[in-house]
């Protein structure tokens, strides 16, 4: 019986590209979090437009999914990375799309 891989070959390639981009973005920003006034060290990357699909036709034509589209990736500290997932107001201020389907809070636009 053949075991089903947890990660597809296509995703493995995308993950390798993402890891290189992640390191470049963090180093370029000198590991500073992009949230105004934050003094924490950035160790993660925030996907400001989410991770699924393509940002626009240019990205689609060039096969650059949101996962690795550098135009929408920002260095982020772990604290703010989690807070952007759970805090509607902070997310509304810093994220470029409603990646949670507008279900973060009661005052959805």
N, C-alpha and C. Protein backbone atom coordinates (compact mmCIF):
# COMPACT_ATOMS: atom_id res chain seq x y z
N UNK A 1 0.85 -1.19 0.00
CA UNK A 1 0.00 0.00 0.00
C UNK A 1 0.89 1.25 0.00
N UNK A 2 0.59 2.15 -0.91
CA UNK A 2 1.36 3.39 -1.04
C UNK A 2 0.84 4.45 -0.08
N UNK A 3 1.75 5.09 0.61
CA UNK A 3 1.40 6.13 1.57
C UNK A 3 1.19 7.46 0.83
N UNK A 4 0.13 8.16 1.18
CA UNK A 4 -0.16 9.47 0.57
C UNK A 4 0.71 10.52 1.24
N UNK A 5 1.48 11.28 0.44
CA UNK A 5 2.35 12.31 1.02
C UNK A 5 1.53 13.43 1.66
N UNK A 6 2.04 13.99 2.75
CA UNK A 6 1.35 15.08 3.44
C UNK A 6 1.43 16.38 2.65
N UNK A 7 2.51 16.53 1.86
CA UNK A 7 2.70 17.74 1.07
C UNK A 7 2.98 17.31 -0.37
N UNK A 8 2.26 17.91 -1.30
CA UNK A 8 2.46 17.58 -2.71
C UNK A 8 3.80 18.10 -3.21
N UNK A 9 4.26 17.58 -4.33
CA UNK A 9 5.51 18.04 -4.93
C UNK A 9 5.40 19.52 -5.29
N UNK A 10 4.25 19.91 -5.82
CA UNK A 10 4.03 21.32 -6.17
C UNK A 10 4.15 22.21 -4.94
N UNK A 11 3.55 21.79 -3.82
CA UNK A 11 3.60 22.58 -2.59
C UNK A 11 5.00 22.60 -2.01
N UNK A 12 5.75 21.51 -2.13
CA UNK A 12 7.13 21.47 -1.65
C UNK A 12 7.97 22.53 -2.37
N UNK A 13 7.78 22.64 -3.68
CA UNK A 13 8.51 23.64 -4.46
C UNK A 13 8.12 25.06 -4.03
N UNK A 14 6.83 25.27 -3.83
CA UNK A 14 6.34 26.58 -3.39
C UNK A 14 6.87 26.91 -2.00
N UNK A 15 6.90 25.93 -1.11
CA UNK A 15 7.43 26.14 0.25
C UNK A 15 8.90 26.53 0.22
N UNK A 16 9.68 25.92 -0.66
CA UNK A 16 11.10 26.25 -0.76
C UNK A 16 11.29 27.69 -1.25
N UNK A 17 10.50 28.09 -2.24
CA UNK A 17 10.56 29.47 -2.74
C UNK A 17 10.15 30.43 -1.63
N UNK A 18 9.06 30.10 -0.92
CA UNK A 18 8.57 30.96 0.17
C UNK A 18 9.64 31.14 1.24
N UNK A 19 10.32 30.07 1.61
CA UNK A 19 11.33 30.15 2.67
C UNK A 19 12.45 31.11 2.27
N UNK A 20 12.89 31.07 1.04
CA UNK A 20 13.92 32.00 0.57
C UNK A 20 13.42 33.44 0.60
N UNK A 21 12.20 33.65 0.14
CA UNK A 21 11.61 34.99 0.15
C UNK A 21 11.45 35.49 1.58
N UNK A 22 11.00 34.62 2.47
CA UNK A 22 10.81 34.98 3.88
C UNK A 22 12.12 35.49 4.49
N UNK A 23 13.19 34.77 4.27
CA UNK A 23 14.48 35.17 4.82
C UNK A 23 14.94 36.50 4.23
N UNK A 24 14.75 36.68 2.92
CA UNK A 24 15.12 37.95 2.27
C UNK A 24 14.34 39.13 2.84
N UNK A 25 13.05 38.96 3.01
CA UNK A 25 12.20 40.05 3.52
C UNK A 25 12.58 40.40 4.95
N UNK A 26 12.78 39.41 5.78
CA UNK A 26 13.17 39.66 7.18
C UNK A 26 14.52 40.38 7.25
N UNK A 27 15.49 39.90 6.47
CA UNK A 27 16.83 40.50 6.49
C UNK A 27 16.79 41.94 5.96
N UNK A 28 16.07 42.15 4.87
CA UNK A 28 15.96 43.48 4.26
C UNK A 28 15.36 44.48 5.25
N UNK A 29 14.41 44.03 6.05
CA UNK A 29 13.76 44.90 7.04
C UNK A 29 14.52 44.94 8.36
N UNK A 30 15.68 44.30 8.39
CA UNK A 30 16.50 44.23 9.61
C UNK A 30 15.70 43.66 10.77
N UNK A 31 14.83 42.72 10.45
CA UNK A 31 14.03 41.98 11.43
C UNK A 31 13.15 42.90 12.28
N UNK A 32 12.68 44.00 11.68
CA UNK A 32 11.78 44.93 12.38
C UNK A 32 10.35 44.68 11.92
N UNK A 33 9.45 44.58 12.87
CA UNK A 33 8.03 44.35 12.61
C UNK A 33 7.45 45.58 11.88
N UNK A 34 6.57 45.33 10.90
CA UNK A 34 5.99 46.42 10.10
C UNK A 34 4.87 47.18 10.81
N UNK A 35 4.40 46.70 11.95
CA UNK A 35 3.34 47.38 12.70
C UNK A 35 3.93 48.63 13.36
N UNK A 36 3.28 49.78 13.14
CA UNK A 36 3.76 51.05 13.70
C UNK A 36 3.95 50.96 15.21
N UNK A 37 5.13 51.41 15.67
CA UNK A 37 5.41 51.48 17.09
C UNK A 37 5.84 50.16 17.72
N UNK A 38 5.91 49.10 16.97
CA UNK A 38 6.31 47.81 17.53
C UNK A 38 7.83 47.74 17.63
N UNK A 39 8.30 47.29 18.75
CA UNK A 39 9.75 47.14 18.95
C UNK A 39 10.18 45.69 18.97
N UNK A 40 9.26 44.78 18.68
CA UNK A 40 9.59 43.35 18.71
C UNK A 40 10.36 42.95 17.45
N UNK A 41 11.12 41.89 17.59
CA UNK A 41 11.87 41.35 16.46
C UNK A 41 10.90 40.60 15.53
N UNK A 42 10.98 40.89 14.24
CA UNK A 42 10.15 40.20 13.26
C UNK A 42 10.75 38.83 12.98
N UNK A 43 9.95 37.80 13.15
CA UNK A 43 10.39 36.43 12.89
C UNK A 43 9.45 35.72 11.92
N UNK A 44 8.34 36.36 11.59
CA UNK A 44 7.35 35.76 10.71
C UNK A 44 7.05 36.73 9.56
N UNK A 45 6.28 36.25 8.63
CA UNK A 45 5.86 37.07 7.50
C UNK A 45 4.33 37.16 7.52
N UNK A 46 3.83 38.37 7.39
CA UNK A 46 2.39 38.57 7.31
C UNK A 46 1.99 38.62 5.84
N UNK A 47 1.02 37.80 5.48
CA UNK A 47 0.46 37.79 4.12
C UNK A 47 -0.71 38.76 4.12
N UNK A 48 -0.46 39.99 3.73
CA UNK A 48 -1.46 41.05 3.85
C UNK A 48 -2.68 40.86 2.97
N UNK A 49 -2.58 40.07 1.93
CA UNK A 49 -3.73 39.81 1.06
C UNK A 49 -4.20 38.37 1.18
N UNK A 50 -3.76 37.69 2.20
CA UNK A 50 -4.10 36.28 2.34
C UNK A 50 -3.09 35.41 1.62
N UNK A 51 -3.41 34.12 1.51
CA UNK A 51 -2.46 33.18 0.91
C UNK A 51 -3.01 32.44 -0.30
N UNK A 52 -4.28 32.51 -0.50
CA UNK A 52 -4.90 31.73 -1.58
C UNK A 52 -5.13 32.55 -2.83
N UNK A 53 -4.85 31.95 -3.95
CA UNK A 53 -5.12 32.59 -5.23
C UNK A 53 -4.02 33.54 -5.66
N UNK A 54 -4.41 34.47 -6.52
CA UNK A 54 -3.49 35.44 -7.11
C UNK A 54 -4.01 36.84 -6.84
N UNK A 55 -3.09 37.79 -6.71
CA UNK A 55 -3.48 39.17 -6.41
C UNK A 55 -4.12 39.85 -7.61
N UNK A 56 -3.63 39.54 -8.81
CA UNK A 56 -4.12 40.21 -10.00
C UNK A 56 -3.74 39.39 -11.24
N UNK A 57 -4.08 39.91 -12.40
CA UNK A 57 -3.82 39.19 -13.64
C UNK A 57 -2.32 39.04 -13.90
N UNK A 58 -1.54 40.07 -13.56
CA UNK A 58 -0.09 39.98 -13.72
C UNK A 58 0.47 38.78 -12.95
N UNK A 59 0.04 38.63 -11.69
CA UNK A 59 0.51 37.51 -10.87
C UNK A 59 0.08 36.17 -11.48
N UNK A 60 -1.14 36.11 -11.96
CA UNK A 60 -1.64 34.89 -12.60
C UNK A 60 -0.82 34.56 -13.84
N UNK A 61 -0.58 35.56 -14.67
CA UNK A 61 0.19 35.36 -15.90
C UNK A 61 1.62 34.90 -15.61
N UNK A 62 2.18 35.35 -14.50
CA UNK A 62 3.55 35.02 -14.13
C UNK A 62 3.63 33.89 -13.10
N UNK A 63 2.49 33.28 -12.81
CA UNK A 63 2.39 32.17 -11.85
C UNK A 63 3.03 32.51 -10.50
N UNK A 64 2.58 33.64 -9.93
CA UNK A 64 3.06 34.07 -8.61
C UNK A 64 1.85 34.13 -7.68
N UNK A 65 1.57 33.01 -6.99
CA UNK A 65 0.44 33.00 -6.06
C UNK A 65 0.70 33.91 -4.86
N UNK A 66 -0.36 34.28 -4.17
CA UNK A 66 -0.24 35.17 -3.02
C UNK A 66 0.74 34.65 -1.96
N UNK A 67 0.90 33.36 -1.87
CA UNK A 67 1.82 32.78 -0.89
C UNK A 67 3.22 33.35 -1.04
N UNK A 68 3.63 33.64 -2.29
CA UNK A 68 4.99 34.12 -2.52
C UNK A 68 5.04 35.48 -3.22
N UNK A 69 3.93 36.18 -3.28
CA UNK A 69 3.89 37.48 -3.94
C UNK A 69 4.48 38.54 -3.00
N UNK A 70 5.72 38.90 -3.25
CA UNK A 70 6.46 39.80 -2.36
C UNK A 70 5.81 41.17 -2.18
N UNK A 71 4.96 41.55 -3.12
CA UNK A 71 4.29 42.86 -3.01
C UNK A 71 3.38 42.92 -1.78
N UNK A 72 2.94 41.77 -1.29
CA UNK A 72 1.97 41.74 -0.20
C UNK A 72 2.48 41.00 1.04
N UNK A 73 3.79 40.86 1.15
CA UNK A 73 4.38 40.20 2.30
C UNK A 73 5.13 41.23 3.14
N UNK A 74 4.95 41.17 4.45
CA UNK A 74 5.62 42.12 5.35
C UNK A 74 6.23 41.38 6.53
N UNK A 75 7.38 41.86 7.03
CA UNK A 75 7.98 41.26 8.22
C UNK A 75 7.12 41.55 9.43
N UNK A 76 6.93 40.56 10.26
CA UNK A 76 6.02 40.73 11.39
C UNK A 76 6.54 39.95 12.61
N UNK A 77 6.34 40.51 13.79
CA UNK A 77 6.70 39.77 15.00
C UNK A 77 5.61 38.73 15.26
N UNK A 78 5.92 37.74 16.04
CA UNK A 78 4.98 36.67 16.32
C UNK A 78 3.72 37.20 17.01
N UNK A 79 3.89 38.14 17.94
CA UNK A 79 2.76 38.69 18.69
C UNK A 79 1.76 39.35 17.74
N UNK A 80 2.24 40.19 16.85
CA UNK A 80 1.33 40.87 15.92
C UNK A 80 0.80 39.93 14.85
N UNK A 81 1.56 38.93 14.47
CA UNK A 81 1.08 37.96 13.49
C UNK A 81 -0.17 37.28 14.03
N UNK A 82 -0.15 36.88 15.29
CA UNK A 82 -1.31 36.26 15.94
C UNK A 82 -2.42 37.29 16.13
N UNK A 83 -2.05 38.49 16.56
CA UNK A 83 -3.06 39.52 16.81
C UNK A 83 -3.80 39.91 15.52
N UNK A 84 -3.10 39.94 14.40
CA UNK A 84 -3.76 40.25 13.13
C UNK A 84 -4.81 39.19 12.78
N UNK A 85 -4.63 37.99 13.25
CA UNK A 85 -5.61 36.92 13.02
C UNK A 85 -6.85 37.09 13.90
N UNK A 86 -6.69 37.70 15.07
CA UNK A 86 -7.76 37.73 16.06
C UNK A 86 -8.34 39.10 16.38
N UNK A 87 -7.66 40.17 16.00
CA UNK A 87 -8.09 41.52 16.34
C UNK A 87 -8.63 42.21 15.09
N UNK A 88 -9.93 42.35 15.02
CA UNK A 88 -10.59 42.91 13.84
C UNK A 88 -10.07 44.30 13.50
N UNK A 89 -9.94 45.17 14.49
CA UNK A 89 -9.53 46.55 14.24
C UNK A 89 -8.11 46.62 13.69
N UNK A 90 -7.19 45.87 14.28
CA UNK A 90 -5.81 45.85 13.80
C UNK A 90 -5.76 45.27 12.39
N UNK A 91 -6.50 44.22 12.17
CA UNK A 91 -6.54 43.59 10.86
C UNK A 91 -7.10 44.56 9.81
N UNK A 92 -8.14 45.26 10.17
CA UNK A 92 -8.77 46.22 9.26
C UNK A 92 -7.77 47.31 8.85
N UNK A 93 -6.91 47.71 9.80
CA UNK A 93 -5.94 48.76 9.54
C UNK A 93 -4.78 48.28 8.66
N UNK A 94 -4.32 47.07 8.87
CA UNK A 94 -3.09 46.62 8.22
C UNK A 94 -3.26 45.61 7.09
N UNK A 95 -4.33 44.87 7.05
CA UNK A 95 -4.48 43.88 5.99
C UNK A 95 -5.21 44.48 4.80
N UNK A 96 -4.89 43.98 3.63
CA UNK A 96 -5.42 44.55 2.40
C UNK A 96 -6.66 43.83 1.90
N UNK A 97 -7.03 42.73 2.55
CA UNK A 97 -8.25 42.01 2.16
C UNK A 97 -8.88 41.41 3.40
N UNK A 98 -10.10 40.98 3.27
CA UNK A 98 -10.79 40.34 4.38
C UNK A 98 -10.56 38.84 4.28
N UNK A 99 -9.40 38.39 4.75
CA UNK A 99 -9.04 36.98 4.59
C UNK A 99 -9.86 36.07 5.49
N UNK A 100 -10.59 36.64 6.41
CA UNK A 100 -11.40 35.82 7.32
C UNK A 100 -12.88 35.87 6.96
N UNK A 101 -13.18 36.28 5.78
CA UNK A 101 -14.57 36.34 5.34
C UNK A 101 -15.38 37.36 6.10
N UNK A 102 -14.71 38.35 6.70
CA UNK A 102 -15.42 39.40 7.42
C UNK A 102 -16.00 38.93 8.75
N UNK A 103 -15.50 37.82 9.29
CA UNK A 103 -16.06 37.27 10.51
C UNK A 103 -15.22 37.56 11.75
N UNK A 104 -14.34 38.55 11.69
CA UNK A 104 -13.46 38.82 12.83
C UNK A 104 -14.18 39.56 13.96
N UNK A 105 -15.13 40.39 13.63
CA UNK A 105 -15.78 41.17 14.66
C UNK A 105 -17.21 41.49 14.26
N UNK A 106 -17.89 42.20 15.12
CA UNK A 106 -19.28 42.52 14.87
C UNK A 106 -19.46 43.72 13.95
N UNK A 107 -18.45 44.61 13.87
CA UNK A 107 -18.59 45.81 13.06
C UNK A 107 -18.01 45.62 11.67
N UNK A 108 -18.31 44.54 11.02
CA UNK A 108 -17.76 44.28 9.70
C UNK A 108 -18.27 45.28 8.67
N UNK A 109 -17.36 45.68 7.77
CA UNK A 109 -17.76 46.59 6.68
C UNK A 109 -18.19 45.80 5.48
